[in-house]
N, C-alpha and C. Protein backbone atom coordinates (compact mmCIF):
# COMPACT_ATOMS: atom_id res chain seq x y z
N SER A 1 0.92 146.94 102.46
CA SER A 1 1.53 147.40 103.71
C SER A 1 1.30 147.49 104.60
N SER A 2 1.89 147.29 105.39
CA SER A 2 1.50 147.42 107.13
C SER A 2 1.04 148.27 107.70
N GLU A 3 0.63 148.86 108.63
CA GLU A 3 0.58 150.12 108.88
C GLU A 3 2.09 150.65 109.46
N SER A 4 2.60 150.22 110.17
CA SER A 4 4.06 150.58 110.62
C SER A 4 4.97 150.80 109.05
N ASP A 5 4.54 150.10 108.13
CA ASP A 5 5.41 150.44 106.62
C ASP A 5 4.83 151.54 106.26
N ILE A 6 3.72 152.03 106.55
CA ILE A 6 2.84 153.47 106.04
C ILE A 6 3.35 154.61 107.02
N ARG A 7 3.92 154.27 107.95
CA ARG A 7 4.25 155.55 109.31
C ARG A 7 5.67 155.25 108.66
N LEU A 8 6.39 154.50 108.84
CA LEU A 8 8.13 154.60 108.21
C LEU A 8 8.06 155.44 106.90
N SER A 9 7.30 154.79 105.83
CA SER A 9 7.33 155.51 104.69
C SER A 9 7.23 156.93 104.91
N LEU A 10 6.06 157.52 105.86
CA LEU A 10 5.36 158.98 106.06
C LEU A 10 7.14 159.74 106.76
N ALA A 11 7.18 158.68 107.68
CA ALA A 11 8.63 159.39 108.25
C ALA A 11 9.82 159.89 107.28
N ARG A 12 9.91 158.52 106.58
CA ARG A 12 10.89 159.06 105.46
C ARG A 12 10.69 160.38 104.64
N ALA A 13 9.62 160.10 104.01
CA ALA A 13 8.88 161.58 103.05
C ALA A 13 9.01 162.60 103.72
N PHE A 14 8.62 162.98 104.73
CA PHE A 14 8.66 164.27 106.01
C PHE A 14 9.69 164.36 105.98
N ASP A 15 10.95 163.42 106.42
CA ASP A 15 12.53 164.01 106.40
C ASP A 15 12.98 164.25 104.92
N ARG A 16 12.96 163.85 104.19
CA ARG A 16 13.35 164.52 102.94
C ARG A 16 12.81 165.35 102.47
N ALA A 17 11.16 166.18 102.64
CA ALA A 17 10.77 167.20 102.17
C ALA A 17 11.22 168.34 103.54
N TRP A 18 11.35 167.90 104.22
CA TRP A 18 11.84 169.16 105.34
C TRP A 18 13.59 169.23 105.06
N ASP A 19 13.65 168.11 104.74
CA ASP A 19 15.54 168.78 104.57
C ASP A 19 15.46 169.46 103.24
N SER A 20 14.91 169.05 102.34
CA SER A 20 14.70 169.96 101.21
C SER A 20 14.42 171.87 101.80
N TYR A 21 13.03 171.73 102.41
CA TYR A 21 12.88 172.83 102.37
C TYR A 21 13.90 173.61 103.46
N TYR A 22 13.80 173.29 104.49
CA TYR A 22 13.92 174.27 105.67
C TYR A 22 15.94 174.28 105.69
N ARG A 23 15.95 175.42 105.75
CA ARG A 23 17.53 175.80 105.26
C ARG A 23 17.74 177.19 106.22
N PRO A 24 18.72 177.17 107.04
CA PRO A 24 18.95 178.34 107.97
C PRO A 24 19.04 179.58 106.94
N GLY A 25 18.54 181.11 107.47
CA GLY A 25 19.10 181.90 106.94
C GLY A 25 17.87 181.87 105.47
N LYS A 26 17.10 180.48 105.07
CA LYS A 26 16.37 181.21 104.10
C LYS A 26 14.87 181.46 104.57
N VAL A 27 14.55 182.26 103.51
CA VAL A 27 13.08 182.65 103.99
C VAL A 27 11.82 181.47 104.23
N THR A 28 11.48 181.33 105.00
CA THR A 28 10.28 180.39 105.29
C THR A 28 9.31 180.94 106.19
N VAL A 29 8.37 179.94 105.94
CA VAL A 29 7.29 179.74 106.88
C VAL A 29 7.94 179.67 108.49
N SER A 30 6.98 179.80 109.60
CA SER A 30 7.23 179.54 110.99
C SER A 30 7.47 178.23 110.90
N ARG A 31 8.38 177.37 111.64
CA ARG A 31 9.49 176.15 111.61
C ARG A 31 7.75 175.43 112.11
N ASP A 32 7.67 175.90 113.22
CA ASP A 32 5.88 175.07 113.92
C ASP A 32 5.18 174.72 112.63
N ILE A 33 4.49 175.96 112.16
CA ILE A 33 3.57 176.16 111.27
C ILE A 33 3.45 175.20 109.91
N ALA A 34 4.78 175.05 109.38
CA ALA A 34 5.55 174.33 108.37
C ALA A 34 5.80 172.46 108.79
N ARG A 35 6.35 172.22 110.05
CA ARG A 35 6.62 171.24 110.25
C ARG A 35 5.12 170.23 110.65
N THR A 36 3.81 170.91 110.92
CA THR A 36 2.11 170.88 110.90
C THR A 36 2.05 170.40 109.94
N GLU A 37 2.16 171.55 109.27
CA GLU A 37 1.21 171.57 107.67
C GLU A 37 2.21 170.40 106.72
N LEU A 38 3.41 170.47 106.87
CA LEU A 38 3.81 169.08 105.98
C LEU A 38 3.70 167.72 106.31
N ALA A 39 3.50 167.67 107.65
CA ALA A 39 2.87 166.43 108.37
C ALA A 39 1.38 166.40 107.84
N ARG A 40 0.45 166.99 108.17
CA ARG A 40 -0.79 166.87 107.68
C ARG A 40 -1.31 166.66 106.16
N ARG A 41 -0.19 167.59 105.46
CA ARG A 41 -0.17 167.06 103.86
C ARG A 41 -0.23 165.90 103.19
N LEU A 42 1.05 165.36 103.98
CA LEU A 42 1.78 163.48 103.94
C LEU A 42 0.63 162.71 104.34
N VAL A 43 0.12 163.01 105.20
CA VAL A 43 -1.34 161.93 105.91
C VAL A 43 -1.93 162.33 105.01
N HIS A 44 -2.60 162.99 104.87
CA HIS A 44 -3.77 163.18 103.55
C HIS A 44 -3.34 162.78 102.65
N ARG A 45 -2.13 162.88 101.65
CA ARG A 45 -2.13 162.41 100.33
C ARG A 45 -1.97 161.26 100.55
N SER A 46 -0.86 160.63 101.84
CA SER A 46 -0.91 159.12 101.82
C SER A 46 -2.53 158.02 101.78
N LYS A 47 -3.33 158.86 102.82
CA LYS A 47 -5.21 158.37 103.18
C LYS A 47 -5.58 158.49 101.39
N ALA A 48 -4.79 158.99 100.85
CA ALA A 48 -5.74 159.53 99.26
C ALA A 48 -5.44 158.28 98.76
N GLY A 49 -4.08 157.68 98.76
CA GLY A 49 -4.08 156.72 98.08
C GLY A 49 -2.65 156.93 97.48
N LEU A 50 -1.79 157.89 98.06
CA LEU A 50 0.05 158.36 97.41
C LEU A 50 0.47 157.11 98.37
N GLN A 51 1.48 156.43 97.92
CA GLN A 51 2.43 156.07 98.61
C GLN A 51 3.79 155.68 97.85
N ASP A 52 4.27 156.31 97.56
CA ASP A 52 5.84 156.43 96.86
C ASP A 52 6.36 157.29 97.76
N GLU A 53 7.18 157.13 98.12
CA GLU A 53 7.58 157.90 99.03
C GLU A 53 8.31 159.22 98.77
N ARG A 54 8.78 158.96 97.31
CA ARG A 54 9.48 160.13 96.62
C ARG A 54 8.26 161.14 96.11
N THR A 55 7.20 160.79 95.78
CA THR A 55 6.28 161.73 94.96
C THR A 55 5.58 162.23 96.67
N LEU A 56 5.49 161.86 97.61
CA LEU A 56 4.94 162.03 98.98
C LEU A 56 5.86 163.37 99.17
N ALA A 57 7.09 162.92 98.98
CA ALA A 57 8.13 164.13 99.60
C ALA A 57 7.94 165.09 98.75
N GLN A 58 7.22 164.66 97.46
CA GLN A 58 7.91 166.24 96.50
C GLN A 58 6.45 166.93 96.85
N ALA A 59 5.40 165.92 97.07
CA ALA A 59 3.79 166.72 97.31
C ALA A 59 3.80 167.59 98.63
N GLY A 60 4.74 167.33 99.47
CA GLY A 60 4.84 167.58 101.16
C GLY A 60 5.70 169.19 100.78
N LEU A 61 6.88 169.00 99.59
CA LEU A 61 7.83 170.11 99.76
C LEU A 61 7.01 171.18 98.80
N ASP A 62 6.32 170.61 97.63
CA ASP A 62 5.56 171.62 97.18
C ASP A 62 4.13 172.37 97.61
N HIS A 63 4.12 171.99 98.44
CA HIS A 63 3.05 172.45 99.68
C HIS A 63 3.57 173.39 100.72
N LEU A 64 4.72 173.31 100.99
CA LEU A 64 5.91 173.86 101.73
C LEU A 64 6.10 175.50 101.13
N ARG A 65 6.16 174.91 99.99
CA ARG A 65 6.75 176.23 99.34
C ARG A 65 5.56 177.38 99.02
N GLU A 66 4.12 176.32 98.79
CA GLU A 66 3.09 177.36 98.37
C GLU A 66 2.68 178.21 99.58
N LEU A 67 2.80 177.25 100.81
CA LEU A 67 2.51 178.28 102.19
C LEU A 67 3.54 179.40 101.97
N THR A 68 5.06 178.93 101.69
CA THR A 68 5.99 180.05 102.27
C THR A 68 5.38 181.26 101.33
N VAL A 69 5.02 181.11 99.85
CA VAL A 69 4.44 182.02 98.66
C VAL A 69 3.32 182.66 99.67
N ARG A 70 2.32 182.09 100.58
CA ARG A 70 0.91 182.56 100.84
C ARG A 70 2.05 183.29 101.95
N GLY A 71 2.51 183.03 102.44
CA GLY A 71 2.90 183.89 104.28
C GLY A 71 2.38 182.84 105.11
N GLY A 72 2.19 181.45 105.19
CA GLY A 72 1.80 180.38 106.05
C GLY A 72 0.31 180.14 106.17
N LYS A 73 -0.66 181.17 105.09
CA LYS A 73 -2.22 181.05 105.30
C LYS A 73 -2.36 180.01 104.43
N GLN A 74 -3.37 179.25 104.96
CA GLN A 74 -4.32 177.89 104.12
C GLN A 74 -5.11 178.52 102.93
N ASN A 75 -5.22 178.51 101.75
CA ASN A 75 -6.42 178.56 101.32
C ASN A 75 -7.82 178.16 101.91
N PRO A 76 -8.87 179.17 101.49
CA PRO A 76 -10.00 179.03 102.24
C PRO A 76 -10.91 177.56 102.13
């Protein structure tokens, strides 16, 4: 895959995870924290070799849900 293909795939995975996670009125962590953490997780997983968009999106969504449970705090 070319770098632009990877970026496009990451952007679509981000949008898919975000759309599943963020709902008005739903308990979530801060929007800024959530978006930053989602992007960070997707890039990390992509660099580790995960390329499937759907799997990337699910990994990002799982991470956001974990953050929500922990109140936005990262694991030490």
